[in-house]
């Protein structure tokens, strides 16, 4: 994850990039923290933590989504 697109450096989103450094692609687009991405062993799911949808400030939830490449 990176805060490359955030001026105050507090918002992190998830990106993917090729091993050779080409093909940078943003995966998440949200104004809260998204981080700690991990693929399932079979590569079909992406799990990550996020502060989105939190009931209280700073609450972190785990999201699991289907990975479609």
Foldseek 3Di string as FASTA:
>chain_A
DACVPPPVRQEDFDWDADPVGPDIGTDDDDRWHWDDWDADPVRQKIKIKTCPPPPDPPDIDIDIDTDDD
